[in-house]
């Protein structure tokens, strides 16, 4: 059985390849990346192939001889819109008669009102319409997304936020390990809602206090004041607004999705939040 991981040089991809190497052997895991030089340095024991979502022909070529694919979703904002880029990948999967694909999607993608969910919903539909056996890995929020919040508390500065709801934070490596276990499973489910325990920012802040031993304020402020705080920290207005927008899916309740799917697939508890925070801050 030959496995492939797309977008393998990203943090999630790297962790997934590492786990797949452990589960299936590096000789059976193909690394797919735009930057093959970077990939070759990261994965000296794996076969590396070039693949760019924005270039359908490159994806068609790269999937030759592959049985199962972990299709890691791209970031929005590329030269080609994400829905089109993802459609290129799905077309390439179909042309190569890929037996199975696990796609990293968004929580409750088909019903979510979050703007980020739209491309994921379209991609899920395209995979189904292509007739490819699949699992949709609907990942909740990565703890690493909160690095600014975490670093503030680590520096004994006020930990600020504006979103008034919950998210199921977990480490990227936990999501990656779950993905690797799904793609190597003999009987995977169609949908997994992967998440840690849902918590508020106030709860995240208290875990941060415990992890750091620091006594700092955990403050909810308005969206506009949050943008201003980022500007005061040195960000230009567009960048500050972009960073503030990362909390939109939390505020809109789209990440408040309780699920035990991740720990069931892992066969262990999701990394405890205090330990996970220490791990992120130690990098």
C-alpha atoms as a PDB file:
ATOM      1  CA  UNK A   1       0.000   0.000   0.000  1.00  0.00           C
ATOM      2  CA  UNK A   2       1.407   3.370  -1.055  1.00  0.00           C
ATOM      3  CA  UNK A   3       0.375   6.474   0.871  1.00  0.00           C
ATOM      4  CA  UNK A   4       0.880  10.118  -0.046  1.00  0.00           C
ATOM      5  CA  UNK A   5       0.669  13.324   1.961  1.00  0.00           C
ATOM      6  CA  UNK A   6       0.061  16.582   0.096  1.00  0.00           C
ATOM      7  CA  UNK A   7       1.305  19.970   1.325  1.00  0.00           C
ATOM      8  CA  UNK A   8       3.728  17.913   3.370  1.00  0.00           C
ATOM      9  CA  UNK A   9       6.158  20.676   4.342  1.00  0.00           C
ATOM     10  CA  UNK A  10       3.589  22.525   6.453  1.00  0.00           C
ATOM     11  CA  UNK A  11       3.401  21.878  10.185  1.00  0.00           C
ATOM     12  CA  UNK A  12       0.421  19.533   9.895  1.00  0.00           C
ATOM     13  CA  UNK A  13       1.964  17.737   6.925  1.00  0.00           C
ATOM     14  CA  UNK A  14       5.281  17.210   8.662  1.00  0.00           C
ATOM     15  CA  UNK A  15       3.610  15.700  11.705  1.00  0.00           C
ATOM     16  CA  UNK A  16       1.405  13.496   9.519  1.00  0.00           C
ATOM     17  CA  UNK A  17       4.366  12.165   7.519  1.00  0.00           C
ATOM     18  CA  UNK A  18       6.236  11.388  10.743  1.00  0.00           C
ATOM     19  CA  UNK A  19       3.290   9.386  12.070  1.00  0.00           C
ATOM     20  CA  UNK A  20       2.659   7.648   8.747  1.00  0.00           C
ATOM     21  CA  UNK A  21       6.323   6.647   8.567  1.00  0.00           C
ATOM     22  CA  UNK A  22       5.886   5.025  11.963  1.00  0.00           C
ATOM     23  CA  UNK A  23       2.676   3.252  10.990  1.00  0.00           C
ATOM     24  CA  UNK A  24       3.450   2.201   7.415  1.00  0.00           C
ATOM     25  CA  UNK A  25       7.199   2.579   6.899  1.00  0.00           C
ATOM     26  CA  UNK A  26       8.889   5.493   5.122  1.00  0.00           C
ATOM     27  CA  UNK A  27       9.345   3.377   2.006  1.00  0.00           C
ATOM     28  CA  UNK A  28       5.554   3.368   1.606  1.00  0.00           C
ATOM     29  CA  UNK A  29       4.950   7.079   2.245  1.00  0.00           C
ATOM     30  CA  UNK A  30       5.270   9.554  -0.622  1.00  0.00           C
ATOM     31  CA  UNK A  31       5.846  13.204   0.242  1.00  0.00           C
ATOM     32  CA  UNK A  32       4.188  15.742  -2.064  1.00  0.00           C
ATOM     33  CA  UNK A  33       5.204  19.397  -1.902  1.00  0.00           C
ATOM     34  CA  UNK A  34       5.636  22.479  -4.057  1.00  0.00           C
ATOM     35  CA  UNK A  35       9.197  22.958  -2.785  1.00  0.00           C
ATOM     36  CA  UNK A  36      10.895  19.609  -3.308  1.00  0.00           C
ATOM     37  CA  UNK A  37      14.267  20.801  -2.009  1.00  0.00           C
ATOM     38  CA  UNK A  38      12.722  21.722   1.333  1.00  0.00           C
ATOM     39  CA  UNK A  39      10.802  18.458   1.414  1.00  0.00           C
ATOM     40  CA  UNK A  40      13.900  16.397   0.676  1.00  0.00           C
ATOM     41  CA  UNK A  41      15.728  17.991   3.611  1.00  0.00           C
ATOM     42  CA  UNK A  42      12.791  17.388   5.936  1.00  0.00           C
ATOM     43  CA  UNK A  43      12.163  13.809   4.789  1.00  0.00           C
ATOM     44  CA  UNK A  44      15.474  12.200   3.738  1.00  0.00           C
ATOM     45  CA  UNK A  45      14.012   8.678   3.970  1.00  0.00           C
ATOM     46  CA  UNK A  46      10.888   9.319   1.877  1.00  0.00           C
ATOM     47  CA  UNK A  47      10.290   9.602  -1.851  1.00  0.00           C
ATOM     48  CA  UNK A  48       9.564  13.249  -2.655  1.00  0.00           C
ATOM     49  CA  UNK A  49       7.386  14.392  -5.552  1.00  0.00           C
ATOM     50  CA  UNK A  50       6.509  17.850  -6.798  1.00  0.00           C
ATOM     51  CA  UNK A  51       2.865  18.876  -6.663  1.00  0.00           C
ATOM     52  CA  UNK A  52       1.218  22.289  -6.785  1.00  0.00           C
ATOM     53  CA  UNK A  53      -2.537  22.574  -6.249  1.00  0.00           C
ATOM     54  CA  UNK A  54      -2.665  25.500  -8.672  1.00  0.00           C
ATOM     55  CA  UNK A  55      -1.169  23.331 -11.464  1.00  0.00           C
ATOM     56  CA  UNK A  56      -3.513  20.427 -12.223  1.00  0.00           C
ATOM     57  CA  UNK A  57      -0.997  18.650 -14.476  1.00  0.00           C
ATOM     58  CA  UNK A  58       1.547  18.519 -11.657  1.00  0.00           C
ATOM     59  CA  UNK A  59      -1.037  16.919  -9.357  1.00  0.00           C
ATOM     60  CA  UNK A  60      -2.048  14.382 -12.011  1.00  0.00           C
ATOM     61  CA  UNK A  61       1.585  13.350 -12.419  1.00  0.00           C
ATOM     62  CA  UNK A  62       2.361  13.217  -8.727  1.00  0.00           C
ATOM     63  CA  UNK A  63      -0.447  10.807  -7.797  1.00  0.00           C
ATOM     64  CA  UNK A  64       0.712   8.065 -10.170  1.00  0.00           C
ATOM     65  CA  UNK A  65       0.921   4.706  -8.400  1.00  0.00           C
ATOM     66  CA  UNK A  66      -0.578   5.974  -5.112  1.00  0.00           C
ATOM     67  CA  UNK A  67      -3.293   4.050  -3.264  1.00  0.00           C
ATOM     68  CA  UNK A  68      -4.316   6.389  -0.440  1.00  0.00           C
ATOM     69  CA  UNK A  69      -3.900  10.151  -0.080  1.00  0.00           C
ATOM     70  CA  UNK A  70      -3.991  12.544   2.854  1.00  0.00           C
ATOM     71  CA  UNK A  71      -5.201  15.708   1.125  1.00  0.00           C
ATOM     72  CA  UNK A  72      -4.301  18.642   3.373  1.00  0.00           C
ATOM     73  CA  UNK A  73      -6.352  21.709   2.556  1.00  0.00           C
ATOM     74  CA  UNK A  74      -4.505  24.813   1.398  1.00  0.00           C
ATOM     75  CA  UNK A  75      -4.537  28.283   2.890  1.00  0.00           C
ATOM     76  CA  UNK A  76      -6.832  30.825   1.231  1.00  0.00           C
ATOM     77  CA  UNK A  77      -5.342  33.758  -0.644  1.00  0.00           C
ATOM     78  CA  UNK A  78      -3.286  32.040  -3.343  1.00  0.00           C
ATOM     79  CA  UNK A  79      -2.915  33.115  -6.968  1.00  0.00           C
ATOM     80  CA  UNK A  80      -5.712  30.678  -7.794  1.00  0.00           C
ATOM     81  CA  UNK A  81      -8.759  30.724  -5.524  1.00  0.00           C
ATOM     82  CA  UNK A  82      -8.837  27.848  -3.069  1.00  0.00           C
ATOM     83  CA  UNK A  83     -11.991  26.209  -4.433  1.00  0.00           C
ATOM     84  CA  UNK A  84     -10.418  25.970  -7.892  1.00  0.00           C
ATOM     85  CA  UNK A  85      -7.083  24.775  -6.518  1.00  0.00           C
ATOM     86  CA  UNK A  86      -8.826  22.061  -4.526  1.00  0.00           C
ATOM     87  CA  UNK A  87     -10.891  21.060  -7.580  1.00  0.00           C
ATOM     88  CA  UNK A  88      -7.596  20.517  -9.411  1.00  0.00           C
ATOM     89  CA  UNK A  89      -6.527  18.079  -6.723  1.00  0.00           C
ATOM     90  CA  UNK A  90      -9.840  16.221  -6.790  1.00  0.00           C
ATOM     91  CA  UNK A  91      -9.667  15.919 -10.587  1.00  0.00           C
ATOM     92  CA  UNK A  92      -6.146  14.522 -10.282  1.00  0.00           C
ATOM     93  CA  UNK A  93      -7.254  12.009  -7.642  1.00  0.00           C
ATOM     94  CA  UNK A  94     -10.051  10.814  -9.924  1.00  0.00           C
ATOM     95  CA  UNK A  95      -7.824  10.567 -12.996  1.00  0.00           C
ATOM     96  CA  UNK A  96      -5.391   8.387 -11.066  1.00  0.00           C
ATOM     97  CA  UNK A  97      -8.146   6.146  -9.661  1.00  0.00           C
ATOM     98  CA  UNK A  98      -7.030   6.822  -6.100  1.00  0.00           C
ATOM     99  CA  UNK A  99      -8.635   4.246  -3.825  1.00  0.00           C
ATOM    100  CA  UNK A 100      -9.131   6.507  -0.801  1.00  0.00           C
ATOM    101  CA  UNK A 101      -8.630  10.124   0.249  1.00  0.00           C
ATOM    102  CA  UNK A 102      -8.746  11.699   3.685  1.00  0.00           C
ATOM    103  CA  UNK A 103      -9.398  15.434   3.373  1.00  0.00           C
ATOM    104  CA  UNK A 104      -8.769  17.979   6.139  1.00  0.00           C
ATOM    105  CA  UNK A 105     -11.976  19.976   6.286  1.00  0.00           C
ATOM    106  CA  UNK A 106     -13.813  22.399   8.604  1.00  0.00           C
ATOM    107  CA  UNK A 107     -16.137  21.643  11.557  1.00  0.00           C
ATOM    108  CA  UNK A 108     -19.637  20.722  10.384  1.00  0.00           C
ATOM    109  CA  UNK A 109     -18.603  21.974   6.944  1.00  0.00           C
ATOM    110  CA  UNK A 110     -21.917  21.354   5.209  1.00  0.00           C
ATOM    111  CA  UNK A 111     -23.912  23.393   7.735  1.00  0.00           C
ATOM    112  CA  UNK A 112     -21.400  25.937   9.006  1.00  0.00           C
ATOM    113  CA  UNK A 113     -22.058  29.641   8.502  1.00  0.00           C
ATOM    114  CA  UNK A 114     -18.352  30.493   8.740  1.00  0.00           C
ATOM    115  CA  UNK A 115     -16.842  32.055   5.624  1.00  0.00           C
ATOM    116  CA  UNK A 116     -13.904  29.672   5.929  1.00  0.00           C
ATOM    117  CA  UNK A 117     -16.235  26.694   5.589  1.00  0.00           C
ATOM    118  CA  UNK A 118     -17.414  27.489   2.050  1.00  0.00           C
ATOM    119  CA  UNK A 119     -14.384  26.139   0.166  1.00  0.00           C
ATOM    120  CA  UNK A 120     -14.310  23.059   2.387  1.00  0.00           C
ATOM    121  CA  UNK A 121     -17.960  22.318   1.697  1.00  0.00           C
ATOM    122  CA  UNK A 122     -17.325  22.633  -2.042  1.00  0.00           C
ATOM    123  CA  UNK A 123     -14.312  20.335  -1.813  1.00  0.00           C
ATOM    124  CA  UNK A 124     -16.207  17.719   0.171  1.00  0.00           C
ATOM    125  CA  UNK A 125     -18.951  17.795  -2.474  1.00  0.00           C
ATOM    126  CA  UNK A 126     -16.421  17.486  -5.294  1.00  0.00           C
ATOM    127  CA  UNK A 127     -14.837  14.423  -3.660  1.00  0.00           C
ATOM    128  CA  UNK A 128     -18.249  12.783  -3.263  1.00  0.00           C
ATOM    129  CA  UNK A 129     -19.226  13.610  -6.841  1.00  0.00           C
ATOM    130  CA  UNK A 130     -15.941  12.109  -8.068  1.00  0.00           C
ATOM    131  CA  UNK A 131     -16.939   8.804  -6.502  1.00  0.00           C
ATOM    132  CA  UNK A 132     -13.741   8.456  -4.455  1.00  0.00           C
ATOM    133  CA  UNK A 133     -13.904   6.572  -1.158  1.00  0.00           C
ATOM    134  CA  UNK A 134     -13.146   9.152   1.505  1.00  0.00           C
ATOM    135  CA  UNK A 135     -13.039  10.414   5.055  1.00  0.00           C
ATOM    136  CA  UNK A 136     -13.594  14.062   5.886  1.00  0.00           C
ATOM    137  CA  UNK A 137     -11.429  15.123   8.809  1.00  0.00           C
ATOM    138  CA  UNK A 138     -13.253  18.181  10.086  1.00  0.00           C
ATOM    139  CA  UNK A 139     -10.540  19.736  12.194  1.00  0.00           C
ATOM    140  CA  UNK A 140     -11.465  22.257  14.860  1.00  0.00           C
ATOM    141  CA  UNK A 141      -8.989  24.992  15.880  1.00  0.00           C
ATOM    142  CA  UNK A 142      -5.258  24.451  16.206  1.00  0.00           C
ATOM    143  CA  UNK A 143      -3.841  25.666  19.513  1.00  0.00           C
ATOM    144  CA  UNK A 144      -0.944  27.062  17.488  1.00  0.00           C
ATOM    145  CA  UNK A 145      -3.392  29.598  16.003  1.00  0.00           C
ATOM    146  CA  UNK A 146      -3.374  31.323  19.396  1.00  0.00           C
ATOM    147  CA  UNK A 147       0.361  31.951  19.553  1.00  0.00           C
ATOM    148  CA  UNK A 148      -0.111  35.711  20.115  1.00  0.00           C
ATOM    149  CA  UNK A 149      -2.468  35.106  23.031  1.00  0.00           C
ATOM    150  CA  UNK A 150      -0.128  32.483  24.492  1.00  0.00           C
ATOM    151  CA  UNK A 151       3.000  34.596  24.113  1.00  0.00           C
ATOM    152  CA  UNK A 152       1.307  37.551  25.817  1.00  0.00           C
ATOM    153  CA  UNK A 153       0.663  35.499  28.936  1.00  0.00           C
ATOM    154  CA  UNK A 154       4.130  33.973  28.777  1.00  0.00           C
ATOM    155  CA  UNK A 155       5.521  37.521  28.856  1.00  0.00           C
ATOM    156  CA  UNK A 156       3.183  38.460  31.738  1.00  0.00           C
ATOM    157  CA  UNK A 157       1.230  40.842  29.518  1.00  0.00           C
ATOM    158  CA  UNK A 158      -2.551  41.004  29.401  1.00  0.00           C
ATOM    159  CA  UNK A 159      -3.989  38.140  27.342  1.00  0.00           C
ATOM    160  CA  UNK A 160      -6.569  39.833  25.140  1.00  0.00           C
ATOM    161  CA  UNK A 161      -9.378  38.419  23.028  1.00  0.00           C
ATOM    162  CA  UNK A 162     -12.679  39.573  21.568  1.00  0.00           C
ATOM    163  CA  UNK A 163     -14.598  36.429  20.557  1.00  0.00           C
ATOM    164  CA  UNK A 164     -17.441  35.426  22.862  1.00  0.00           C
ATOM    165  CA  UNK A 165     -17.746  31.678  22.403  1.00  0.00           C
ATOM    166  CA  UNK A 166     -15.897  28.361  22.519  1.00  0.00           C
ATOM    167  CA  UNK A 167     -13.412  26.435  20.379  1.00  0.00           C
ATOM    168  CA  UNK A 168     -12.094  22.870  20.532  1.00  0.00           C
ATOM    169  CA  UNK A 169      -8.385  23.690  20.649  1.00  0.00           C
ATOM    170  CA  UNK A 170      -5.860  20.879  20.190  1.00  0.00           C
ATOM    171  CA  UNK A 171      -2.282  20.558  18.982  1.00  0.00           C
ATOM    172  CA  UNK A 172      -1.605  20.234  15.265  1.00  0.00           C
ATOM    173  CA  UNK A 173       0.317  17.049  15.959  1.00  0.00           C
ATOM    174  CA  UNK A 174      -2.771  15.503  17.567  1.00  0.00           C
ATOM    175  CA  UNK A 175      -4.810  16.285  14.458  1.00  0.00           C
ATOM    176  CA  UNK A 176      -1.979  14.937  12.292  1.00  0.00           C
ATOM    177  CA  UNK A 177      -1.727  11.701  14.262  1.00  0.00           C
ATOM    178  CA  UNK A 178      -5.487  11.280  13.941  1.00  0.00           C
ATOM    179  CA  UNK A 179      -5.252  11.807  10.183  1.00  0.00           C
ATOM    180  CA  UNK A 180      -2.488   9.224   9.832  1.00  0.00           C
ATOM    181  CA  UNK A 181      -4.488   6.668  11.807  1.00  0.00           C
ATOM    182  CA  UNK A 182      -7.593   7.260   9.696  1.00  0.00           C
ATOM    183  CA  UNK A 183      -5.759   6.878   6.389  1.00  0.00           C
ATOM    184  CA  UNK A 184      -4.230   3.592   7.530  1.00  0.00           C
ATOM    185  CA  UNK A 185      -7.486   2.297   8.998  1.00  0.00           C
ATOM    186  CA  UNK A 186      -9.129  -0.740   7.415  1.00  0.00           C
ATOM    187  CA  UNK A 187     -12.654   0.622   7.854  1.00  0.00           C
ATOM    188  CA  UNK A 188     -12.600   4.439   8.212  1.00  0.00           C
ATOM    189  CA  UNK A 189     -15.785   6.436   8.738  1.00  0.00           C
ATOM    190  CA  UNK A 190     -16.935   9.034   6.233  1.00  0.00           C
ATOM    191  CA  UNK A 191     -16.848  11.943   8.685  1.00  0.00           C
ATOM    192  CA  UNK A 192     -14.754  12.685  11.758  1.00  0.00           C
ATOM    193  CA  UNK A 193     -15.363  15.834  13.794  1.00  0.00           C
ATOM    194  CA  UNK A 194     -11.882  16.214  15.257  1.00  0.00           C
ATOM    195  CA  UNK A 195     -11.606  18.533  18.260  1.00  0.00           C
ATOM    196  CA  UNK A 196     -10.295  18.954  21.740  1.00  0.00           C
ATOM    197  CA  UNK A 197     -12.646  19.769  24.605  1.00  0.00           C
ATOM    198  CA  UNK A 198     -14.468  23.012  23.814  1.00  0.00           C
ATOM    199  CA  UNK A 199     -13.400  25.956  25.968  1.00  0.00           C
ATOM    200  CA  UNK A 200     -13.767  29.718  26.164  1.00  0.00           C
ATOM    201  CA  UNK A 201     -10.857  32.133  25.888  1.00  0.00           C
ATOM    202  CA  UNK A 202     -11.158  32.714  29.627  1.00  0.00           C
ATOM    203  CA  UNK A 203     -10.611  28.993  30.201  1.00  0.00           C
ATOM    204  CA  UNK A 204      -7.704  29.021  27.755  1.00  0.00           C
ATOM    205  CA  UNK A 205      -6.234  31.966  29.663  1.00  0.00           C
ATOM    206  CA  UNK A 206      -6.503  30.172  33.009  1.00  0.00           C
ATOM    207  CA  UNK A 207      -4.746  27.143  31.536  1.00  0.00           C
ATOM    208  CA  UNK A 208      -2.069  29.539  30.261  1.00  0.00           C
ATOM    209  CA  UNK A 209      -1.659  30.960  33.770  1.00  0.00           C
ATOM    210  CA  UNK A 210      -1.167  27.439  35.094  1.00  0.00           C
ATOM    211  CA  UNK A 211       1.263  26.532  32.321  1.00  0.00           C
ATOM    212  CA  UNK A 212       3.432  29.629  32.792  1.00  0.00           C
ATOM    213  CA  UNK A 213       2.986  30.306  36.506  1.00  0.00           C
ATOM    214  CA  UNK A 214       2.408  33.947  35.564  1.00  0.00           C
ATOM    215  CA  UNK A 215      -0.241  36.223  37.031  1.00  0.00           C
ATOM    216  CA  UNK A 216      -1.619  38.277  34.154  1.00  0.00           C
ATOM    217  CA  UNK A 217      -5.044  39.623  33.248  1.00  0.00           C
ATOM    218  CA  UNK A 218      -7.330  37.750  30.853  1.00  0.00           C
ATOM    219  CA  UNK A 219      -9.436  40.418  29.179  1.00  0.00           C
ATOM    220  CA  UNK A 220     -12.261  40.352  26.690  1.00  0.00           C
ATOM    221  CA  UNK A 221     -12.411  43.599  24.723  1.00  0.00           C
ATOM    222  CA  UNK A 222     -14.345  44.748  21.686  1.00  0.00           C
ATOM    223  CA  UNK A 223     -13.329  43.747  18.183  1.00  0.00           C
ATOM    224  CA  UNK A 224     -12.313  47.327  17.383  1.00  0.00           C
ATOM    225  CA  UNK A 225     -10.255  47.654  20.547  1.00  0.00           C
ATOM    226  CA  UNK A 226      -8.608  44.331  19.769  1.00  0.00           C
ATOM    227  CA  UNK A 227      -7.561  45.639  16.356  1.00  0.00           C
ATOM    228  CA  UNK A 228      -6.220  48.797  18.024  1.00  0.00           C
ATOM    229  CA  UNK A 229      -4.216  46.697  20.494  1.00  0.00           C
ATOM    230  CA  UNK A 230      -2.579  44.859  17.595  1.00  0.00           C
ATOM    231  CA  UNK A 231      -1.799  48.168  15.902  1.00  0.00           C
ATOM    232  CA  UNK A 232      -0.180  49.404  19.118  1.00  0.00           C
ATOM    233  CA  UNK A 233       1.913  46.234  19.082  1.00  0.00           C
ATOM    234  CA  UNK A 234       3.275  47.275  15.684  1.00  0.00           C
ATOM    235  CA  UNK A 235       0.971  45.719  13.091  1.00  0.00           C
ATOM    236  CA  UNK A 236      -0.383  47.783  10.214  1.00  0.00           C
ATOM    237  CA  UNK A 237      -4.164  48.096  10.040  1.00  0.00           C
ATOM    238  CA  UNK A 238      -4.816  45.455   7.323  1.00  0.00           C
ATOM    239  CA  UNK A 239      -2.658  42.902   9.140  1.00  0.00           C
ATOM    240  CA  UNK A 240      -4.253  43.729  12.494  1.00  0.00           C
ATOM    241  CA  UNK A 241      -7.714  43.280  10.995  1.00  0.00           C
ATOM    242  CA  UNK A 242      -6.631  39.982   9.432  1.00  0.00           C
ATOM    243  CA  UNK A 243      -5.355  38.678  12.766  1.00  0.00           C
ATOM    244  CA  UNK A 244      -8.550  39.801  14.497  1.00  0.00           C
ATOM    245  CA  UNK A 245     -10.602  37.944  11.891  1.00  0.00           C
ATOM    246  CA  UNK A 246      -9.058  34.651  13.023  1.00  0.00           C
ATOM    247  CA  UNK A 247     -11.471  34.760  15.970  1.00  0.00           C
ATOM    248  CA  UNK A 248     -14.554  35.142  13.732  1.00  0.00           C
ATOM    249  CA  UNK A 249     -15.327  31.393  13.572  1.00  0.00           C
ATOM    250  CA  UNK A 250     -15.127  31.214  17.361  1.00  0.00           C
ATOM    251  CA  UNK A 251     -17.370  34.209  17.941  1.00  0.00           C
ATOM    252  CA  UNK A 252     -19.966  32.914  15.466  1.00  0.00           C
ATOM    253  CA  UNK A 253     -20.222  29.603  17.385  1.00  0.00           C
ATOM    254  CA  UNK A 254     -18.969  27.590  14.427  1.00  0.00           C
ATOM    255  CA  UNK A 255     -16.221  25.945  16.507  1.00  0.00           C
ATOM    256  CA  UNK A 256     -18.380  25.116  19.517  1.00  0.00           C
ATOM    257  CA  UNK A 257     -18.657  21.457  18.488  1.00  0.00           C
ATOM    258  CA  UNK A 258     -18.215  18.837  21.188  1.00  0.00           C
ATOM    259  CA  UNK A 259     -16.861  15.556  19.854  1.00  0.00           C
ATOM    260  CA  UNK A 260     -14.850  12.583  21.105  1.00  0.00           C
ATOM    261  CA  UNK A 261     -13.840  11.522  17.586  1.00  0.00           C
ATOM    262  CA  UNK A 262     -10.225  12.642  17.891  1.00  0.00           C
ATOM    263  CA  UNK A 263      -9.448  10.873  21.147  1.00  0.00           C
ATOM    264  CA  UNK A 264     -11.260   7.754  19.917  1.00  0.00           C
ATOM    265  CA  UNK A 265      -9.083   7.635  16.798  1.00  0.00           C
ATOM    266  CA  UNK A 266      -5.922   8.445  18.750  1.00  0.00           C
ATOM    267  CA  UNK A 267      -6.692   5.724  21.274  1.00  0.00           C
ATOM    268  CA  UNK A 268      -5.673   8.145  24.010  1.00  0.00           C
ATOM    269  CA  UNK A 269      -6.804  11.475  25.426  1.00  0.00           C
ATOM    270  CA  UNK A 270      -6.057  14.597  23.415  1.00  0.00           C
ATOM    271  CA  UNK A 271      -2.911  16.209  24.859  1.00  0.00           C
ATOM    272  CA  UNK A 272      -3.995  17.999  28.069  1.00  0.00           C
ATOM    273  CA  UNK A 273      -4.337  21.729  27.483  1.00  0.00           C
ATOM    274  CA  UNK A 274      -1.734  22.868  30.029  1.00  0.00           C
ATOM    275  CA  UNK A 275       0.819  20.421  28.611  1.00  0.00           C
ATOM    276  CA  UNK A 276      -0.093  21.467  25.062  1.00  0.00           C
ATOM    277  CA  UNK A 277       0.438  25.137  25.908  1.00  0.00           C
ATOM    278  CA  UNK A 278       3.864  24.381  27.383  1.00  0.00           C
ATOM    279  CA  UNK A 279       4.760  22.485  24.218  1.00  0.00           C
ATOM    280  CA  UNK A 280       3.760  25.359  21.914  1.00  0.00           C
ATOM    281  CA  UNK A 281       5.619  27.939  23.994  1.00  0.00           C
ATOM    282  CA  UNK A 282       8.774  25.798  24.125  1.00  0.00           C
ATOM    283  CA  UNK A 283       9.182  25.779  20.313  1.00  0.00           C
END
